Amino acid sequence: MTDGLQTIVYPVTDLVKAKALYGALFGAEPTADTPHYVGYAVAGQDIGLDPNGHAAKGMTGPIGYWQVDDINKRIAALVEAGAEVREEPRDVGGGKLIATVIDADDNVIGLLQP
């Protein structure tokens, strides 16, 4: 089961400039602010800026992360339905797991287990 699209992560090359721009857009200060990730809570959604998204993770644009109860079970169901695992589940802090799969058209689907 999915609890909806809860998180969107944007790859950025200049975190300082991106933080200024998105801060102006949201009219808010970040809820998480580290050299590796800046996050905002906006209108019930988490919006992240990832300075390693392009180079280290191969992100070509924003990725929406669908919140799921059991990330491994959901990945198995998606693979059975034709998806391919792009990034295996990994802990991004506090026990929160993220992973990505791609569909037959190379669209990236993000999964997040709180």
Protein backbone atom coordinates (compact mmCIF):
# COMPACT_ATOMS: atom_id res chain seq x y z
CA MET A 1 0.00 0.00 0.00
CA THR A 2 1.15 3.54 -0.68
CA ASP A 3 0.46 6.57 1.46
CA GLY A 4 0.86 8.96 -1.47
CA LEU A 5 3.60 11.05 -2.97
CA GLN A 6 5.20 12.58 0.11
CA THR A 7 8.70 13.64 -0.93
CA ILE A 8 10.22 15.26 -4.01
CA VAL A 9 14.01 15.57 -4.33
CA TYR A 10 15.68 17.96 -6.77
CA PRO A 11 19.29 17.42 -7.85
CA VAL A 12 21.21 20.70 -7.63
CA THR A 13 24.76 21.70 -8.52
CA ASP A 14 25.07 24.78 -6.30
CA LEU A 15 23.44 24.17 -2.93
CA VAL A 16 23.84 27.76 -1.73
CA LYS A 17 22.10 29.21 -4.80
CA ALA A 18 19.43 26.50 -4.79
CA LYS A 19 18.72 27.06 -1.10
CA ALA A 20 18.22 30.79 -1.73
CA LEU A 21 15.94 30.15 -4.71
CA TYR A 22 13.76 27.46 -3.11
CA GLY A 23 13.67 29.36 0.18
CA ALA A 24 12.28 32.35 -1.75
CA LEU A 25 9.77 30.11 -3.53
CA PHE A 26 8.54 28.46 -0.34
CA GLY A 27 8.84 31.53 1.89
CA ALA A 28 10.31 29.22 4.54
CA GLU A 29 13.55 28.20 6.19
CA PRO A 30 14.82 24.64 5.71
CA THR A 31 13.81 21.95 8.20
CA ALA A 32 17.05 20.08 7.42
CA ASP A 33 20.21 21.90 6.39
CA THR A 34 23.40 19.91 5.85
CA PRO A 35 26.13 19.98 3.20
CA HIS A 36 24.64 16.77 1.76
CA TYR A 37 20.91 17.60 1.81
CA VAL A 38 18.61 20.56 2.42
CA GLY A 39 14.97 19.82 3.14
CA TYR A 40 11.78 21.85 3.42
CA ALA A 41 8.31 21.00 4.73
CA VAL A 42 5.83 22.71 2.41
CA ALA A 43 2.05 22.22 2.33
CA GLY A 44 2.27 18.70 3.76
CA GLN A 45 5.12 17.62 1.48
CA ASP A 46 8.83 17.22 1.99
CA ILE A 47 10.96 18.92 -0.67
CA GLY A 48 14.67 18.11 -0.79
CA LEU A 49 17.71 19.55 -2.52
CA ASP A 50 20.48 17.02 -3.22
CA PRO A 51 23.88 18.45 -4.25
CA ASN A 52 25.11 14.93 -5.09
CA GLY A 53 22.09 14.04 -7.20
CA HIS A 54 23.61 14.70 -10.61
CA ALA A 55 27.16 13.43 -10.24
CA ALA A 56 26.88 10.65 -7.65
CA LYS A 57 23.36 9.38 -8.31
CA GLY A 58 22.81 10.12 -11.98
CA MET A 59 19.65 12.13 -11.37
CA THR A 60 18.56 14.08 -14.46
CA GLY A 61 15.60 15.79 -12.81
CA PRO A 62 13.41 15.72 -9.71
CA ILE A 63 12.29 12.38 -8.29
CA GLY A 64 9.02 11.90 -6.48
CA TYR A 65 9.16 9.41 -3.61
CA TRP A 66 6.00 7.44 -2.85
CA GLN A 67 5.65 6.59 0.82
CA VAL A 68 5.14 2.85 1.38
CA ASP A 69 4.71 0.58 4.39
CA ASP A 70 7.17 -2.10 3.27
CA ILE A 71 9.78 -0.96 0.74
CA ASN A 72 11.12 -4.45 -0.05
CA LYS A 73 7.65 -5.87 -0.63
CA ARG A 74 6.74 -2.92 -2.90
CA ILE A 75 9.98 -3.29 -4.88
CA ALA A 76 9.28 -7.00 -5.39
CA ALA A 77 5.77 -6.20 -6.67
CA LEU A 78 7.11 -3.53 -9.03
CA VAL A 79 9.85 -5.81 -10.38
CA GLU A 80 7.26 -8.53 -10.95
CA ALA A 81 5.21 -5.96 -12.88
CA GLY A 82 8.17 -5.05 -15.11
CA ALA A 83 10.20 -2.43 -13.22
CA GLU A 84 13.97 -2.58 -12.84
CA VAL A 85 15.75 -1.70 -9.59
CA ARG A 86 17.89 1.39 -10.04
CA GLU A 87 18.90 2.00 -6.42
CA GLU A 88 18.52 -0.63 -3.70
CA PRO A 89 16.97 0.45 -0.39
CA ARG A 90 19.34 2.45 1.80
CA ASP A 91 19.01 4.17 5.13
CA VAL A 92 19.18 7.96 4.79
CA GLY A 93 19.03 8.58 8.54
CA GLY A 94 16.78 7.74 11.43
CA GLY A 95 15.79 4.42 9.88
CA LYS A 96 14.17 6.09 6.85
CA LEU A 97 14.73 3.97 3.73
CA ILE A 98 14.69 5.13 0.12
CA ALA A 99 15.04 3.27 -3.16
CA THR A 100 14.34 3.85 -6.85
CA VAL A 101 13.12 1.70 -9.70
CA ILE A 102 12.61 2.51 -13.38
CA ASP A 103 9.67 1.58 -15.53
CA ALA A 104 9.79 0.35 -19.15
CA ASP A 105 10.05 3.97 -20.37
CA ASP A 106 12.98 4.82 -18.05
CA ASN A 107 10.81 6.91 -15.72
CA VAL A 108 12.23 6.91 -12.21
CA ILE A 109 9.89 5.92 -9.37
CA GLY A 110 11.10 6.73 -5.88
CA LEU A 111 10.01 4.76 -2.82
CA LEU A 112 10.32 5.88 0.78
CA GLN A 113 9.68 3.88 3.95
CA PRO A 114 9.57 6.03 7.11
